[in-house]
N, C-alpha and C. Protein backbone atom coordinates (compact mmCIF):
# COMPACT_ATOMS: atom_id res chain seq x y z
N MET A 1 118.19 102.64 95.59
CA MET A 1 117.94 101.28 95.16
C MET A 1 116.96 101.28 93.99
N HIS A 2 117.18 100.43 93.00
CA HIS A 2 116.34 100.35 91.82
C HIS A 2 115.03 99.66 92.16
N LYS A 3 113.90 100.34 91.90
CA LYS A 3 112.60 99.76 92.21
C LYS A 3 112.16 98.88 91.05
N ARG A 4 111.77 97.66 91.37
CA ARG A 4 111.32 96.72 90.36
C ARG A 4 109.96 97.09 89.83
N ARG A 5 109.70 96.77 88.58
CA ARG A 5 108.40 97.02 87.97
C ARG A 5 107.36 96.11 88.59
N SER A 6 106.14 96.60 88.72
CA SER A 6 105.06 95.80 89.30
C SER A 6 104.83 94.55 88.48
N PRO A 7 104.43 93.46 89.14
CA PRO A 7 104.21 92.21 88.41
C PRO A 7 102.99 92.30 87.49
N GLU A 8 103.00 91.54 86.43
CA GLU A 8 101.88 91.50 85.50
C GLU A 8 100.70 90.80 86.16
N PRO A 9 99.51 91.43 86.19
CA PRO A 9 98.35 90.79 86.81
C PRO A 9 97.98 89.46 86.16
N LEU A 10 98.13 89.35 84.84
CA LEU A 10 97.76 88.10 84.19
C LEU A 10 98.63 86.94 84.64
N ASP A 11 99.78 87.25 85.16
CA ASP A 11 100.73 86.21 85.58
C ASP A 11 100.68 85.94 87.07
N PHE A 12 99.63 86.37 87.76
CA PHE A 12 99.67 86.30 89.22
C PHE A 12 99.91 84.90 89.76
N PHE A 13 99.50 83.88 89.03
CA PHE A 13 99.68 82.52 89.51
C PHE A 13 101.12 82.04 89.38
N ILE A 14 101.98 82.81 88.72
CA ILE A 14 103.40 82.46 88.67
C ILE A 14 104.26 83.54 89.32
N TRP A 15 103.63 84.41 90.11
CA TRP A 15 104.38 85.44 90.82
C TRP A 15 105.35 84.80 91.80
N THR A 16 106.50 85.43 91.94
CA THR A 16 107.46 85.03 92.97
C THR A 16 107.03 85.66 94.29
N VAL A 17 107.72 85.30 95.35
CA VAL A 17 107.45 85.91 96.66
C VAL A 17 107.67 87.42 96.59
N GLU A 18 108.69 87.83 95.84
CA GLU A 18 108.97 89.26 95.69
C GLU A 18 107.85 89.97 94.92
N ASP A 19 107.32 89.32 93.88
CA ASP A 19 106.19 89.89 93.13
C ASP A 19 104.98 90.09 94.03
N VAL A 20 104.71 89.11 94.88
CA VAL A 20 103.58 89.22 95.81
C VAL A 20 103.79 90.42 96.73
N GLY A 21 105.02 90.59 97.20
CA GLY A 21 105.33 91.73 98.07
C GLY A 21 105.07 93.06 97.38
N LEU A 22 105.47 93.18 96.12
CA LEU A 22 105.22 94.41 95.36
C LEU A 22 103.72 94.66 95.19
N TRP A 23 102.99 93.59 94.92
CA TRP A 23 101.54 93.70 94.76
C TRP A 23 100.88 94.12 96.08
N LEU A 24 101.34 93.56 97.20
CA LEU A 24 100.79 93.96 98.50
C LEU A 24 100.97 95.46 98.73
N GLU A 25 102.12 95.99 98.31
CA GLU A 25 102.36 97.44 98.42
C GLU A 25 101.33 98.21 97.59
N GLU A 26 101.06 97.72 96.38
CA GLU A 26 100.12 98.39 95.48
C GLU A 26 98.71 98.45 96.05
N ILE A 27 98.30 97.40 96.75
CA ILE A 27 96.92 97.35 97.27
C ILE A 27 96.84 97.81 98.72
N ASN A 28 97.86 98.53 99.16
CA ASN A 28 97.91 99.10 100.52
C ASN A 28 97.89 98.06 101.63
N LEU A 29 98.50 96.92 101.37
CA LEU A 29 98.67 95.89 102.40
C LEU A 29 100.16 95.61 102.61
N GLY A 30 100.98 96.62 102.35
CA GLY A 30 102.42 96.48 102.44
C GLY A 30 102.92 96.10 103.82
N SER A 31 102.11 96.35 104.84
CA SER A 31 102.54 95.99 106.20
C SER A 31 102.67 94.47 106.37
N TYR A 32 102.08 93.70 105.44
CA TYR A 32 102.15 92.24 105.51
C TYR A 32 103.26 91.67 104.61
N ARG A 33 103.96 92.54 103.93
CA ARG A 33 104.97 92.09 102.97
C ARG A 33 106.00 91.15 103.60
N GLN A 34 106.57 91.56 104.73
CA GLN A 34 107.63 90.75 105.36
C GLN A 34 107.10 89.41 105.84
N VAL A 35 105.93 89.39 106.45
CA VAL A 35 105.39 88.12 106.96
C VAL A 35 105.02 87.19 105.80
N PHE A 36 104.55 87.74 104.67
CA PHE A 36 104.27 86.92 103.50
C PHE A 36 105.58 86.33 102.96
N GLU A 37 106.63 87.16 102.92
CA GLU A 37 107.93 86.67 102.46
C GLU A 37 108.46 85.58 103.39
N ASP A 38 108.34 85.81 104.70
CA ASP A 38 108.80 84.82 105.68
C ASP A 38 108.07 83.49 105.53
N ASN A 39 106.80 83.54 105.11
CA ASN A 39 106.00 82.33 104.95
C ASN A 39 106.02 81.79 103.52
N GLY A 40 106.79 82.42 102.64
CA GLY A 40 106.94 81.92 101.27
C GLY A 40 105.68 82.01 100.43
N VAL A 41 104.86 83.03 100.67
CA VAL A 41 103.62 83.18 99.91
C VAL A 41 103.94 83.70 98.51
N ASN A 42 103.70 82.85 97.51
CA ASN A 42 103.91 83.23 96.12
C ASN A 42 102.57 83.21 95.38
N GLY A 43 102.62 83.43 94.08
CA GLY A 43 101.39 83.48 93.29
C GLY A 43 100.61 82.18 93.28
N GLU A 44 101.33 81.07 93.23
CA GLU A 44 100.67 79.77 93.25
C GLU A 44 99.89 79.58 94.55
N TYR A 45 100.48 80.04 95.65
CA TYR A 45 99.81 79.95 96.95
C TYR A 45 98.56 80.83 96.95
N LEU A 46 98.68 82.06 96.41
CA LEU A 46 97.53 82.96 96.35
C LEU A 46 96.40 82.34 95.52
N GLU A 47 96.78 81.71 94.41
CA GLU A 47 95.79 81.05 93.56
C GLU A 47 95.05 79.96 94.33
N SER A 48 95.76 79.25 95.19
CA SER A 48 95.14 78.14 95.93
C SER A 48 94.25 78.62 97.08
N LEU A 49 94.35 79.89 97.47
CA LEU A 49 93.51 80.41 98.57
C LEU A 49 92.02 80.16 98.33
N SER A 50 91.60 80.22 97.08
CA SER A 50 90.17 80.05 96.77
C SER A 50 89.69 78.63 97.05
N MET A 51 90.62 77.69 97.20
CA MET A 51 90.24 76.30 97.48
C MET A 51 90.45 75.92 98.94
N PHE A 52 90.85 76.87 99.77
CA PHE A 52 91.11 76.60 101.18
C PHE A 52 89.82 76.32 101.93
N THR A 53 89.91 75.43 102.91
CA THR A 53 88.80 75.21 103.82
C THR A 53 88.81 76.34 104.85
N THR A 54 87.75 76.44 105.62
CA THR A 54 87.67 77.46 106.65
C THR A 54 88.83 77.33 107.63
N GLU A 55 89.14 76.11 108.00
CA GLU A 55 90.25 75.88 108.94
C GLU A 55 91.58 76.35 108.35
N GLN A 56 91.81 76.08 107.08
CA GLN A 56 93.05 76.52 106.43
C GLN A 56 93.12 78.05 106.34
N ILE A 57 91.98 78.67 106.08
CA ILE A 57 91.94 80.14 106.01
C ILE A 57 92.28 80.72 107.38
N LEU A 58 91.69 80.19 108.41
CA LEU A 58 91.97 80.68 109.76
C LEU A 58 93.44 80.50 110.13
N ARG A 59 94.02 79.36 109.74
CA ARG A 59 95.45 79.13 109.99
C ARG A 59 96.31 80.15 109.25
N PHE A 60 95.95 80.43 107.99
CA PHE A 60 96.69 81.41 107.20
C PHE A 60 96.62 82.79 107.84
N ILE A 61 95.43 83.19 108.28
CA ILE A 61 95.24 84.50 108.91
C ILE A 61 96.06 84.60 110.19
N ARG A 62 96.05 83.54 111.00
CA ARG A 62 96.84 83.55 112.24
C ARG A 62 98.33 83.59 111.94
N ARG A 63 98.77 82.78 110.99
CA ARG A 63 100.20 82.72 110.66
C ARG A 63 100.72 84.06 110.13
N CYS A 64 99.87 84.76 109.37
CA CYS A 64 100.28 86.05 108.80
C CYS A 64 99.87 87.23 109.66
N HIS A 65 99.24 86.96 110.81
CA HIS A 65 98.80 88.01 111.74
C HIS A 65 97.94 89.06 111.03
N MET A 66 97.02 88.58 110.18
CA MET A 66 96.17 89.48 109.40
C MET A 66 94.90 89.84 110.14
N LYS A 67 94.43 91.04 109.91
CA LYS A 67 93.11 91.45 110.38
C LYS A 67 92.10 90.92 109.37
N TRP A 68 90.87 90.66 109.84
CA TRP A 68 89.83 90.13 108.94
C TRP A 68 89.59 91.07 107.77
N GLY A 69 89.51 92.35 108.04
CA GLY A 69 89.26 93.33 106.97
C GLY A 69 90.35 93.30 105.92
N ASP A 70 91.59 93.12 106.35
CA ASP A 70 92.70 93.05 105.40
C ASP A 70 92.66 91.76 104.58
N PHE A 71 92.24 90.67 105.22
CA PHE A 71 92.10 89.42 104.48
C PHE A 71 91.01 89.55 103.41
N ILE A 72 89.92 90.21 103.78
CA ILE A 72 88.82 90.43 102.81
C ILE A 72 89.33 91.29 101.65
N THR A 73 90.11 92.34 101.96
CA THR A 73 90.69 93.18 100.91
C THR A 73 91.57 92.35 99.99
N LEU A 74 92.40 91.49 100.56
CA LEU A 74 93.27 90.62 99.78
C LEU A 74 92.44 89.76 98.82
N CYS A 75 91.38 89.15 99.34
CA CYS A 75 90.53 88.29 98.51
C CYS A 75 89.81 89.08 97.42
N LYS A 76 89.33 90.28 97.75
CA LYS A 76 88.66 91.11 96.75
C LYS A 76 89.61 91.51 95.63
N GLU A 77 90.85 91.85 95.98
CA GLU A 77 91.82 92.24 94.96
C GLU A 77 92.20 91.05 94.08
N LEU A 78 92.33 89.87 94.67
CA LEU A 78 92.60 88.67 93.88
C LEU A 78 91.45 88.39 92.92
N ARG A 79 90.24 88.53 93.42
CA ARG A 79 89.06 88.31 92.57
C ARG A 79 89.02 89.32 91.43
N ARG A 80 89.35 90.58 91.74
CA ARG A 80 89.35 91.62 90.71
C ARG A 80 90.32 91.27 89.59
N ILE A 81 91.49 90.77 89.95
CA ILE A 81 92.48 90.37 88.94
C ILE A 81 91.96 89.21 88.11
N LYS A 82 91.39 88.20 88.76
CA LYS A 82 90.89 87.03 88.04
C LYS A 82 89.77 87.41 87.08
N VAL A 83 88.82 88.23 87.54
CA VAL A 83 87.69 88.64 86.71
C VAL A 83 88.17 89.47 85.52
N ALA A 84 89.06 90.40 85.77
CA ALA A 84 89.59 91.23 84.68
C ALA A 84 90.31 90.37 83.65
N CYS A 85 91.00 89.35 84.13
CA CYS A 85 91.70 88.44 83.22
C CYS A 85 90.70 87.70 82.35
N LEU A 86 89.65 87.16 82.95
CA LEU A 86 88.65 86.40 82.20
C LEU A 86 87.85 87.27 81.25
N LYS A 87 87.63 88.53 81.61
CA LYS A 87 86.87 89.44 80.74
C LYS A 87 87.76 90.05 79.65
N GLY A 88 89.05 89.82 79.75
CA GLY A 88 89.96 90.38 78.76
C GLY A 88 90.23 91.86 78.96
N GLU A 89 90.08 92.34 80.20
CA GLU A 89 90.27 93.76 80.48
C GLU A 89 91.72 94.11 80.80
N GLN A 90 92.56 93.10 80.98
CA GLN A 90 93.96 93.38 81.26
C GLN A 90 94.66 93.78 79.97
N GLU A 91 95.61 94.65 80.10
CA GLU A 91 96.41 95.06 78.95
C GLU A 91 97.21 93.86 78.44
N VAL A 92 97.19 93.67 77.14
CA VAL A 92 97.92 92.57 76.54
C VAL A 92 99.22 93.11 75.97
N ARG A 93 100.32 92.55 76.42
CA ARG A 93 101.63 92.97 75.94
C ARG A 93 102.33 91.80 75.28
N ARG A 94 103.19 92.11 74.37
CA ARG A 94 103.99 91.08 73.73
C ARG A 94 104.97 90.55 74.75
N PRO A 95 105.04 89.21 74.92
CA PRO A 95 106.01 88.66 75.85
C PRO A 95 107.43 89.00 75.41
N TRP A 96 108.33 89.11 76.34
CA TRP A 96 109.70 89.48 76.05
C TRP A 96 110.37 88.48 75.13
N TRP A 97 109.91 87.22 75.14
CA TRP A 97 110.56 86.17 74.36
C TRP A 97 110.05 86.10 72.93
N ALA A 98 108.96 86.81 72.61
CA ALA A 98 108.40 86.75 71.25
C ALA A 98 109.09 87.77 70.36
N PRO A 99 109.40 87.41 69.11
CA PRO A 99 110.04 88.37 68.21
C PRO A 99 109.11 89.56 67.94
N SER A 100 109.68 90.73 67.80
CA SER A 100 108.87 91.94 67.62
C SER A 100 108.01 91.87 66.37
N CYS A 101 108.45 91.13 65.35
CA CYS A 101 107.65 91.04 64.12
C CYS A 101 106.32 90.32 64.37
N LEU A 102 106.21 89.57 65.46
CA LEU A 102 104.96 88.85 65.77
C LEU A 102 104.09 89.59 66.78
N SER A 103 104.51 90.76 67.26
CA SER A 103 103.78 91.43 68.33
C SER A 103 102.35 91.78 67.93
N VAL A 104 102.14 92.27 66.70
CA VAL A 104 100.79 92.62 66.26
C VAL A 104 99.91 91.39 66.21
N VAL A 105 100.44 90.31 65.68
CA VAL A 105 99.69 89.05 65.59
C VAL A 105 99.37 88.53 66.99
N PHE A 106 100.36 88.55 67.87
CA PHE A 106 100.18 88.05 69.24
C PHE A 106 99.06 88.82 69.96
N VAL A 107 99.12 90.14 69.92
CA VAL A 107 98.13 90.96 70.61
C VAL A 107 96.75 90.74 70.02
N ARG A 108 96.65 90.64 68.70
CA ARG A 108 95.35 90.43 68.04
C ARG A 108 94.74 89.10 68.47
N VAL A 109 95.53 88.04 68.46
CA VAL A 109 95.04 86.71 68.85
C VAL A 109 94.67 86.70 70.33
N ALA A 110 95.48 87.30 71.16
CA ALA A 110 95.21 87.32 72.60
C ALA A 110 93.91 88.07 72.89
N LYS A 111 93.68 89.18 72.21
CA LYS A 111 92.44 89.93 72.43
C LYS A 111 91.23 89.16 71.93
N ARG A 112 91.39 88.44 70.84
CA ARG A 112 90.28 87.67 70.27
C ARG A 112 89.86 86.55 71.23
N ASN A 113 90.81 85.94 71.86
CA ASN A 113 90.52 84.83 72.76
C ASN A 113 90.48 85.36 74.19
N ARG A 114 89.42 86.06 74.55
CA ARG A 114 89.31 86.76 75.82
C ARG A 114 89.30 85.82 77.03
N GLN A 115 88.92 84.60 76.84
CA GLN A 115 88.81 83.67 77.96
C GLN A 115 90.16 83.02 78.29
N SER A 116 91.14 83.16 77.42
CA SER A 116 92.42 82.51 77.68
C SER A 116 93.33 83.42 78.49
N ARG A 117 94.24 82.82 79.20
CA ARG A 117 95.22 83.58 79.97
C ARG A 117 96.47 83.74 79.13
N VAL A 118 96.97 84.95 79.10
CA VAL A 118 98.22 85.20 78.40
C VAL A 118 99.32 85.18 79.46
N VAL A 119 100.16 84.19 79.36
CA VAL A 119 101.19 83.99 80.38
C VAL A 119 102.55 84.26 79.77
N SER A 120 103.29 85.14 80.40
CA SER A 120 104.66 85.36 79.95
C SER A 120 105.58 84.49 80.79
N LEU A 121 106.62 84.02 80.19
CA LEU A 121 107.57 83.17 80.90
C LEU A 121 108.44 84.02 81.82
N LYS A 122 108.70 83.51 82.97
CA LYS A 122 109.62 84.16 83.90
C LYS A 122 110.70 83.16 84.22
N LEU A 123 111.92 83.55 83.99
CA LEU A 123 113.04 82.67 84.29
C LEU A 123 113.65 83.06 85.61
N GLU A 124 113.83 82.09 86.47
CA GLU A 124 114.46 82.34 87.76
C GLU A 124 115.97 82.46 87.55
N PRO A 125 116.62 83.43 88.20
CA PRO A 125 118.08 83.57 88.05
C PRO A 125 118.82 82.43 88.73
């Protein structure tokens, strides 16, 4: 079976359920992949975790049958991605939809504006 490429960290808030599953494998939380898929956990949901109340967090942990340590790991990895994005430490790539003649300009502008998020479009099939 063809293995899909890992999702772009800068795009985590638009990750599909499948992208989240691939990311869970990367951070050694792959045992939760199926339960996250069953619960429809996508990037937008992960982004909203930071705004959850304690009660909502506890419900999420129960629904996904997560251990506390694994939930903390999940939160730390999400924070690492967000911080790297804001610091401009993520690799900047030309989006697939941009013409190659603009790639140098795109990368230069993206690096200059370190506080902005570079979002590539993802089209659902």
